[in-house]
C-alpha atoms as a PDB file:
ATOM      1  CA  MET A   1       0.158   0.108   0.109  1.00  0.00           C
ATOM      2  CA  THR A   2       1.501   3.418  -0.791  1.00  0.00           C
ATOM      3  CA  ARG A   3       1.736   6.550   1.235  1.00  0.00           C
ATOM      4  CA  ASN A   4      -1.594   7.980  -0.858  1.00  0.00           C
ATOM      5  CA  GLU A   5      -3.426   4.848  -0.456  1.00  0.00           C
ATOM      6  CA  ARG A   6      -2.854   4.820   2.894  1.00  0.00           C
ATOM      7  CA  LYS A   7      -4.185   8.399   3.172  1.00  0.00           C
ATOM      8  CA  LEU A   8      -7.624   7.380   1.994  1.00  0.00           C
ATOM      9  CA  GLY A   9      -8.057   6.127   5.373  1.00  0.00           C
ATOM     10  CA  ARG A  10      -8.356   9.088   7.405  1.00  0.00           C
ATOM     11  CA  SER A  11     -11.638  10.281   8.636  1.00  0.00           C
ATOM     12  CA  LYS A  12     -14.672  12.303   6.590  1.00  0.00           C
ATOM     13  CA  SER A  13     -14.846  14.776   8.374  1.00  0.00           C
ATOM     14  CA  ALA A  14     -13.350  17.129   6.206  1.00  0.00           C
ATOM     15  CA  ILE A  15     -15.560  16.127   3.659  1.00  0.00           C
ATOM     16  CA  ARG A  16     -18.385  17.728   5.551  1.00  0.00           C
ATOM     17  CA  ALA A  17     -16.139  21.376   5.287  1.00  0.00           C
ATOM     18  CA  ARG A  18     -14.772  20.969   1.570  1.00  0.00           C
ATOM     19  CA  ALA A  19     -17.575  19.337  -0.209  1.00  0.00           C
ATOM     20  CA  PRO A  20     -19.569  21.721  -2.306  1.00  0.00           C
ATOM     21  CA  ASN A  21     -22.182  24.237  -0.589  1.00  0.00           C
ATOM     22  CA  VAL A  22     -25.384  22.714  -2.464  1.00  0.00           C
ATOM     23  CA  SER A  23     -29.325  23.992  -1.859  1.00  0.00           C
ATOM     24  CA  THR A  24     -32.105  21.676  -2.046  1.00  0.00           C
ATOM     25  CA  ARG A  25     -35.790  22.424  -2.704  1.00  0.00           C
ATOM     26  CA  GLU A  26     -36.809  20.333   0.269  1.00  0.00           C
ATOM     27  CA  VAL A  27     -34.852  20.702   3.745  1.00  0.00           C
ATOM     28  CA  GLY A  28     -32.639  18.101   4.138  1.00  0.00           C
ATOM     29  CA  ARG A  29     -32.850  16.308   0.954  1.00  0.00           C
ATOM     30  CA  ARG A  30     -29.811  15.459  -0.475  1.00  0.00           C
ATOM     31  CA  PRO A  31     -28.772  15.431  -4.195  1.00  0.00           C
ATOM     32  CA  TYR A  32     -27.616  12.804  -6.300  1.00  0.00           C
ATOM     33  CA  GLU A  33     -24.037  12.199  -6.869  1.00  0.00           C
ATOM     34  CA  ILE A  34     -22.690  10.630  -9.717  1.00  0.00           C
ATOM     35  CA  THR A  35     -19.368  10.634 -10.850  1.00  0.00           C
ATOM     36  CA  VAL A  36     -17.853  10.502 -13.844  1.00  0.00           C
ATOM     37  CA  VAL A  37     -14.059   9.318 -14.975  1.00  0.00           C
ATOM     38  CA  VAL A  38     -12.401  10.640 -18.025  1.00  0.00           C
ATOM     39  CA  LEU A  39      -9.754   8.271 -18.429  1.00  0.00           C
ATOM     40  CA  GLY A  40      -7.232   7.522 -21.903  1.00  0.00           C
ATOM     41  CA  ALA A  41      -3.474   7.880 -22.423  1.00  0.00           C
ATOM     42  CA  THR A  42      -1.392  10.885 -22.584  1.00  0.00           C
ATOM     43  CA  LYS A  43      -2.521  14.113 -25.536  1.00  0.00           C
ATOM     44  CA  VAL A  44      -5.730  12.207 -26.263  1.00  0.00           C
ATOM     45  CA  GLY A  45      -7.534  14.962 -25.652  1.00  0.00           C
ATOM     46  CA  LYS A  46      -9.345  14.415 -22.453  1.00  0.00           C
ATOM     47  CA  SER A  47      -9.012  18.021 -20.978  1.00  0.00           C
ATOM     48  CA  ALA A  48      -9.443  19.411 -23.944  1.00  0.00           C
ATOM     49  CA  LEU A  49     -13.246  17.465 -24.076  1.00  0.00           C
ATOM     50  CA  VAL A  50     -14.161  18.627 -20.736  1.00  0.00           C
ATOM     51  CA  SER A  51     -12.999  22.304 -20.873  1.00  0.00           C
ATOM     52  CA  GLN A  52     -15.705  22.217 -23.895  1.00  0.00           C
ATOM     53  CA  TYR A  53     -18.623  20.444 -21.913  1.00  0.00           C
ATOM     54  CA  LEU A  54     -18.479  22.592 -18.872  1.00  0.00           C
ATOM     55  CA  TRP A  55     -16.774  25.703 -20.381  1.00  0.00           C
ATOM     56  CA  GLU A  56     -17.882  25.486 -24.216  1.00  0.00           C
ATOM     57  CA  SER A  57     -14.019  26.437 -24.767  1.00  0.00           C
ATOM     58  CA  PHE A  58     -11.194  24.435 -26.326  1.00  0.00           C
ATOM     59  CA  LEU A  59      -8.124  24.388 -25.231  1.00  0.00           C
ATOM     60  CA  THR A  60      -5.293  25.231 -27.894  1.00  0.00           C
ATOM     61  CA  GLU A  61      -1.900  24.819 -25.746  1.00  0.00           C
ATOM     62  CA  TYR A  62      -1.397  21.504 -24.398  1.00  0.00           C
ATOM     63  CA  ARG A  63      -0.277  20.919 -21.225  1.00  0.00           C
ATOM     64  CA  PRO A  64      -0.367  17.286 -19.106  1.00  0.00           C
ATOM     65  CA  THR A  65      -3.337  17.207 -16.630  1.00  0.00           C
ATOM     66  CA  VAL A  66      -2.016  15.462 -13.205  1.00  0.00           C
ATOM     67  CA  GLU A  67      -5.702  15.216 -11.563  1.00  0.00           C
ATOM     68  CA  GLU A  68      -9.031  17.281 -12.185  1.00  0.00           C
ATOM     69  CA  PHE A  69     -11.876  17.442 -10.223  1.00  0.00           C
ATOM     70  CA  ASN A  70     -14.674  19.452 -11.678  1.00  0.00           C
ATOM     71  CA  TRP A  71     -18.755  19.740  -9.571  1.00  0.00           C
ATOM     72  CA  VAL A  72     -21.683  20.672 -11.491  1.00  0.00           C
ATOM     73  CA  GLU A  73     -24.737  21.404  -9.786  1.00  0.00           C
ATOM     74  CA  TYR A  74     -28.362  20.476 -12.062  1.00  0.00           C
ATOM     75  CA  GLU A  75     -31.810  20.874 -10.861  1.00  0.00           C
ATOM     76  CA  ILE A  76     -33.289  17.606 -12.226  1.00  0.00           C
ATOM     77  CA  GLY A  77     -36.818  16.715 -13.797  1.00  0.00           C
ATOM     78  CA  ASP A  78     -38.435  16.150 -10.304  1.00  0.00           C
ATOM     79  CA  GLY A  79     -37.226  18.999  -8.287  1.00  0.00           C
ATOM     80  CA  SER A  80     -34.166  17.557  -6.829  1.00  0.00           C
ATOM     81  CA  SER A  81     -30.605  18.292  -7.321  1.00  0.00           C
ATOM     82  CA  LEU A  82     -28.096  16.600  -8.869  1.00  0.00           C
ATOM     83  CA  MET A  83     -23.670  17.313  -8.165  1.00  0.00           C
ATOM     84  CA  LEU A  84     -22.010  16.097 -11.269  1.00  0.00           C
ATOM     85  CA  GLN A  85     -18.536  15.509 -10.497  1.00  0.00           C
ATOM     86  CA  ILE A  86     -16.271  15.147 -13.390  1.00  0.00           C
ATOM     87  CA  ILE A  87     -12.480  13.782 -13.028  1.00  0.00           C
ATOM     88  CA  ASP A  88      -9.993  14.672 -15.493  1.00  0.00           C
ATOM     89  CA  SER A  89      -7.619  11.972 -15.152  1.00  0.00           C
ATOM     90  CA  SER A  90      -4.131  12.023 -15.970  1.00  0.00           C
ATOM     91  CA  GLY A  91      -3.061   9.498 -19.087  1.00  0.00           C
ATOM     92  CA  SER A  92       0.591   8.847 -16.864  1.00  0.00           C
ATOM     93  CA  HIS A  93       1.258   5.800 -15.936  1.00  0.00           C
ATOM     94  CA  ASP A  94       3.126   7.239 -13.032  1.00  0.00           C
ATOM     95  CA  PHE A  95      -0.922   7.770 -11.813  1.00  0.00           C
ATOM     96  CA  LEU A  96      -1.388   4.094 -11.815  1.00  0.00           C
ATOM     97  CA  ALA A  97      -2.702   4.082  -8.250  1.00  0.00           C
ATOM     98  CA  MET A  98      -5.475   6.585  -8.397  1.00  0.00           C
ATOM     99  CA  HIS A  99      -6.110   5.445 -11.937  1.00  0.00           C
ATOM    100  CA  HIS A 100      -7.414   1.913  -9.794  1.00  0.00           C
ATOM    101  CA  PHE A 101      -8.736   4.128  -7.614  1.00  0.00           C
ATOM    102  CA  TYR A 102     -11.048   5.522  -9.806  1.00  0.00           C
ATOM    103  CA  ILE A 103     -12.082   3.110 -11.685  1.00  0.00           C
ATOM    104  CA  LYS A 104     -12.578   1.344  -8.584  1.00  0.00           C
ATOM    105  CA  THR A 105     -15.288   3.926  -7.069  1.00  0.00           C
ATOM    106  CA  GLY A 106     -16.244   5.972 -10.382  1.00  0.00           C
ATOM    107  CA  ASP A 107     -20.213   6.024 -11.433  1.00  0.00           C
ATOM    108  CA  ALA A 108     -19.466   6.078 -15.120  1.00  0.00           C
ATOM    109  CA  PHE A 109     -16.674   6.045 -17.570  1.00  0.00           C
ATOM    110  CA  MET A 110     -15.752   8.458 -20.651  1.00  0.00           C
ATOM    111  CA  VAL A 111     -12.523   6.155 -22.194  1.00  0.00           C
ATOM    112  CA  VAL A 112     -10.963   8.426 -24.986  1.00  0.00           C
ATOM    113  CA  PHE A 113      -8.393   7.706 -27.810  1.00  0.00           C
ATOM    114  CA  SER A 114      -6.981  10.091 -30.803  1.00  0.00           C
ATOM    115  CA  ILE A 115      -7.834   8.545 -33.972  1.00  0.00           C
ATOM    116  CA  ASP A 116      -4.605   9.998 -35.173  1.00  0.00           C
ATOM    117  CA  ASP A 117      -2.796   7.377 -32.339  1.00  0.00           C
ATOM    118  CA  ALA A 118      -2.943   4.164 -33.112  1.00  0.00           C
ATOM    119  CA  SER A 119      -1.497   2.790 -29.790  1.00  0.00           C
ATOM    120  CA  SER A 120      -3.386   4.991 -27.705  1.00  0.00           C
ATOM    121  CA  LEU A 121      -6.718   3.193 -28.900  1.00  0.00           C
ATOM    122  CA  GLU A 122      -4.994   0.085 -27.618  1.00  0.00           C
ATOM    123  CA  GLU A 123      -4.438   2.036 -24.106  1.00  0.00           C
ATOM    124  CA  ALA A 124      -8.743   2.542 -24.290  1.00  0.00           C
ATOM    125  CA  LYS A 125      -8.908  -1.342 -24.897  1.00  0.00           C
ATOM    126  CA  ARG A 126      -6.812  -1.828 -21.901  1.00  0.00           C
ATOM    127  CA  ILE A 127      -8.626   0.403 -19.828  1.00  0.00           C
ATOM    128  CA  ILE A 128     -12.194  -0.553 -20.914  1.00  0.00           C
ATOM    129  CA  GLU A 129     -10.854  -4.376 -20.158  1.00  0.00           C
ATOM    130  CA  GLU A 130      -9.651  -3.385 -16.345  1.00  0.00           C
ATOM    131  CA  ILE A 131     -12.953  -1.464 -15.504  1.00  0.00           C
ATOM    132  CA  ASP A 132     -14.791  -4.565 -16.875  1.00  0.00           C
ATOM    133  CA  GLU A 133     -12.907  -6.556 -15.121  1.00  0.00           C
ATOM    134  CA  GLU A 134     -13.036  -4.719 -11.932  1.00  0.00           C
ATOM    135  CA  ARG A 135     -16.695  -3.638 -11.835  1.00  0.00           C
ATOM    136  CA  HIS A 136     -18.467  -7.157 -13.799  1.00  0.00           C
ATOM    137  CA  LYS A 137     -19.393  -4.448 -16.724  1.00  0.00           C
ATOM    138  CA  THR A 138     -22.087  -3.138 -14.102  1.00  0.00           C
ATOM    139  CA  VAL A 139     -20.721   0.345 -14.956  1.00  0.00           C
ATOM    140  CA  PRO A 140     -21.639   2.318 -17.820  1.00  0.00           C
ATOM    141  CA  VAL A 141     -18.400   2.970 -20.227  1.00  0.00           C
ATOM    142  CA  VAL A 142     -18.674   5.305 -23.382  1.00  0.00           C
ATOM    143  CA  LEU A 143     -15.317   5.110 -25.911  1.00  0.00           C
ATOM    144  CA  VAL A 144     -14.409   8.330 -27.196  1.00  0.00           C
ATOM    145  CA  ALA A 145     -12.745   8.278 -31.018  1.00  0.00           C
ATOM    146  CA  ASN A 146     -11.658  12.197 -30.405  1.00  0.00           C
ATOM    147  CA  LYS A 147      -9.944  14.494 -33.134  1.00  0.00           C
ATOM    148  CA  CYS A 148     -12.357  13.543 -35.691  1.00  0.00           C
ATOM    149  CA  ASP A 149     -11.524  17.126 -37.095  1.00  0.00           C
ATOM    150  CA  LEU A 150      -8.860  15.604 -38.982  1.00  0.00           C
ATOM    151  CA  ASN A 151      -9.513  14.707 -42.192  1.00  0.00           C
ATOM    152  CA  ASP A 152      -6.839  12.482 -43.051  1.00  0.00           C
ATOM    153  CA  ASP A 153      -7.387   9.617 -44.202  1.00  0.00           C
ATOM    154  CA  VAL A 154      -3.871   7.776 -42.708  1.00  0.00           C
ATOM    155  CA  MET A 155      -4.683   9.190 -39.274  1.00  0.00           C
ATOM    156  CA  LYS A 156      -8.214   7.746 -39.772  1.00  0.00           C
ATOM    157  CA  TRP A 157      -7.009   4.240 -40.596  1.00  0.00           C
ATOM    158  CA  GLU A 158      -5.214   4.335 -37.096  1.00  0.00           C
ATOM    159  CA  ALA A 159      -8.596   3.886 -35.070  1.00  0.00           C
ATOM    160  CA  LYS A 160      -9.787   1.351 -37.657  1.00  0.00           C
ATOM    161  CA  GLY A 161     -11.319  -1.696 -35.663  1.00  0.00           C
ATOM    162  CA  SER A 162     -12.192   0.303 -33.244  1.00  0.00           C
ATOM    163  CA  HIS A 163     -16.121   0.172 -33.949  1.00  0.00           C
ATOM    164  CA  GLN A 164     -15.540  -3.230 -34.255  1.00  0.00           C
ATOM    165  CA  TYR A 165     -14.155  -3.441 -30.695  1.00  0.00           C
ATOM    166  CA  ALA A 166     -16.817  -1.417 -29.263  1.00  0.00           C
ATOM    167  CA  TYR A 167     -20.046  -3.318 -30.840  1.00  0.00           C
ATOM    168  CA  SER A 168     -18.191  -6.193 -29.511  1.00  0.00           C
ATOM    169  CA  ARG A 169     -17.682  -4.882 -25.852  1.00  0.00           C
ATOM    170  CA  THR A 170     -21.427  -3.707 -26.060  1.00  0.00           C
ATOM    171  CA  ILE A 171     -20.603  -0.403 -26.029  1.00  0.00           C
ATOM    172  CA  PRO A 172     -21.315   3.017 -27.814  1.00  0.00           C
ATOM    173  CA  ILE A 173     -18.294   4.231 -29.204  1.00  0.00           C
ATOM    174  CA  ILE A 174     -18.713   8.273 -30.409  1.00  0.00           C
ATOM    175  CA  GLU A 175     -17.153  10.203 -32.839  1.00  0.00           C
ATOM    176  CA  CYS A 176     -16.272  13.570 -32.011  1.00  0.00           C
ATOM    177  CA  SER A 177     -13.914  16.545 -32.265  1.00  0.00           C
ATOM    178  CA  ALA A 178     -13.116  18.675 -28.930  1.00  0.00           C
ATOM    179  CA  LYS A 179     -13.347  21.752 -30.936  1.00  0.00           C
ATOM    180  CA  ARG A 180     -16.654  20.962 -31.721  1.00  0.00           C
ATOM    181  CA  HIS A 181     -19.397  21.542 -28.482  1.00  0.00           C
ATOM    182  CA  SER A 182     -22.203  19.845 -30.072  1.00  0.00           C
ATOM    183  CA  GLU A 183     -20.629  16.753 -30.596  1.00  0.00           C
ATOM    184  CA  VAL A 184     -18.992  17.158 -27.185  1.00  0.00           C
ATOM    185  CA  ILE A 185     -22.434  17.497 -25.435  1.00  0.00           C
ATOM    186  CA  GLU A 186     -23.753  13.993 -27.316  1.00  0.00           C
ATOM    187  CA  ALA A 187     -21.103  12.299 -25.752  1.00  0.00           C
ATOM    188  CA  PHE A 188     -21.522  13.265 -22.563  1.00  0.00           C
ATOM    189  CA  LYS A 189     -25.353  12.894 -23.123  1.00  0.00           C
ATOM    190  CA  GLU A 190     -24.787   9.544 -24.549  1.00  0.00           C
ATOM    191  CA  LEU A 191     -23.479   9.079 -20.973  1.00  0.00           C
ATOM    192  CA  LEU A 192     -25.230  10.683 -18.827  1.00  0.00           C
ATOM    193  CA  GLU A 193     -28.516   8.651 -20.674  1.00  0.00           C
ATOM    194  CA  ARG A 194     -26.577   5.307 -19.566  1.00  0.00           C
ATOM    195  CA  LEU A 195     -26.859   6.255 -15.837  1.00  0.00           C
ATOM    196  CA  ARG A 196     -30.431   7.305 -16.392  1.00  0.00           C
ATOM    197  CA  ASP A 197     -31.405   3.828 -17.807  1.00  0.00           C
ATOM    198  CA  LYS A 198     -29.367   2.188 -15.144  1.00  0.00           C
ATOM    199  CA  ASN A 199     -30.260   3.961 -11.857  1.00  0.00           C
ATOM    200  CA  ARG A 200     -33.821   4.964 -12.765  1.00  0.00           C
ATOM    201  CA  ILE A 201     -33.032   8.888 -12.118  1.00  0.00           C
ATOM    202  CA  GLY A 202     -35.188  11.305 -13.569  1.00  0.00           C
ATOM    203  CA  ILE A 203     -32.600  13.018 -15.655  1.00  0.00           C
ATOM    204  CA  ALA A 204     -33.862  13.675 -18.772  1.00  0.00           C
ATOM    205  CA  GLU A 205     -34.614  17.331 -17.632  1.00  0.00           C
ATOM    206  CA  MET A 206     -31.248  18.562 -16.603  1.00  0.00           C
ATOM    207  CA  THR A 207     -30.782  22.622 -15.781  1.00  0.00           C
ATOM    208  CA  LYS A 208     -27.568  23.707 -14.614  1.00  0.00           C
ATOM    209  CA  ARG A 209     -28.118  25.732 -11.818  1.00  0.00           C
ATOM    210  CA  ARG A 210     -23.482  26.261 -10.864  1.00  0.00           C
ATOM    211  CA  GLN A 211     -20.291  25.013 -11.117  1.00  0.00           C
ATOM    212  CA  SER A 212     -16.688  24.866  -9.636  1.00  0.00           C
ATOM    213  CA  MET A 213     -13.725  25.797 -11.462  1.00  0.00           C
ATOM    214  CA  PRO A 214     -11.430  22.761 -11.453  1.00  0.00           C
ATOM    215  CA  SER A 215      -9.215  22.193  -8.781  1.00  0.00           C
ATOM    216  CA  THR A 216      -5.693  20.549  -9.331  1.00  0.00           C
ATOM    217  CA  ARG A 217      -4.363  17.532  -7.289  1.00  0.00           C
ATOM    218  CA  ALA A 218      -0.575  16.711  -7.408  1.00  0.00           C
ATOM    219  CA  TYR A 219       0.377  12.854  -6.846  1.00  0.00           C
ATOM    220  CA  SER A 220       2.647  14.151  -3.465  1.00  0.00           C
ATOM    221  CA  GLY A 221      -0.656  15.984  -2.195  1.00  0.00           C
ATOM    222  CA  ILE A 222      -3.919  14.300  -2.932  1.00  0.00           C
ATOM    223  CA  ASP A 223      -6.802  15.825  -1.710  1.00  0.00           C
ATOM    224  CA  VAL A 224      -7.842  13.341   1.113  1.00  0.00           C
ATOM    225  CA  ALA A 225     -11.502  14.939   1.748  1.00  0.00           C
ATOM    226  CA  ASP A 226     -11.835  14.592  -2.412  1.00  0.00           C
ATOM    227  CA  MET A 227     -10.836  10.763  -1.887  1.00  0.00           C
ATOM    228  CA  ASP A 228     -12.832  10.094   1.137  1.00  0.00           C
ATOM    229  CA  ARG A 229     -15.967  11.507  -0.088  1.00  0.00           C
ATOM    230  CA  LEU A 230     -15.193   9.054  -3.514  1.00  0.00           C
ATOM    231  CA  LYS A 231     -14.299   6.074  -1.097  1.00  0.00           C
ATOM    232  CA  ASN A 232     -17.668   6.094   1.320  1.00  0.00           C
ATOM    233  CA  LYS A 233     -20.000   7.960  -1.197  1.00  0.00           C
ATOM    234  CA  HIS A 234     -21.527   4.192  -2.307  1.00  0.00           C
ATOM    235  CA  LYS A 235     -22.167   3.821   1.186  1.00  0.00           C
ATOM    236  CA  THR A 236     -24.393   6.296   1.856  1.00  0.00           C
ATOM    237  CA  ASN A 237     -25.850   7.376  -1.436  1.00  0.00           C
ATOM    238  CA  CYS A 238     -28.885   4.901  -1.659  1.00  0.00           C
ATOM    239  CA  VAL A 239     -29.425   6.330  -5.736  1.00  0.00           C
ATOM    240  CA  ILE A 240     -25.552   5.173  -7.100  1.00  0.00           C
ATOM    241  CA  CYS A 241     -24.889   2.057  -5.638  1.00  0.00           C
END
């Protein structure tokens, strides 16, 4: 067990202090909490997809992601609140401990590869197989083929076989470009709809109320509150299990 993993066992009292101050229509009513984890190799556009979804902006400059946590509060159809946490994970193999932790605790997974990098598709396959092995195909997974704005036949050839693979695993594959907001929305919509069907949550109508600025975690200084929140969420939330 690593030093960072041992930190996960600390008291969850700090969670209350750091958790977003969520208001609900009914006093004492807890919001639904869903954690979506974005996984994939380095430089496939994970952060660009998250930025486009949350902020309608495209990141033009590449910077390696450590870990970023984003919270969005939605008002859903039945008058309840939904807290959606999107974890933009690092694609580096230096972060394997956290990678495994997210696979164990996430509610849904967006696995991203780039059409101009055949090795990123192989990494995506490995991640999906790891999710299936750990979670026994009980959680929604969407495979995203990013950078489809690159109109190079050679590049598209690199992604050949991705549709057959997705079909064989009975998971949807979404082709998109992080530059196009509508396509990114469709990718996240597909994942959230699968969560809705699995957990019977009325999220057909979602109105954004507010969202946090992303918080970055360094590997040597993991935020224990966020980690404990993920670890213990399944024990306290009767909707997402």
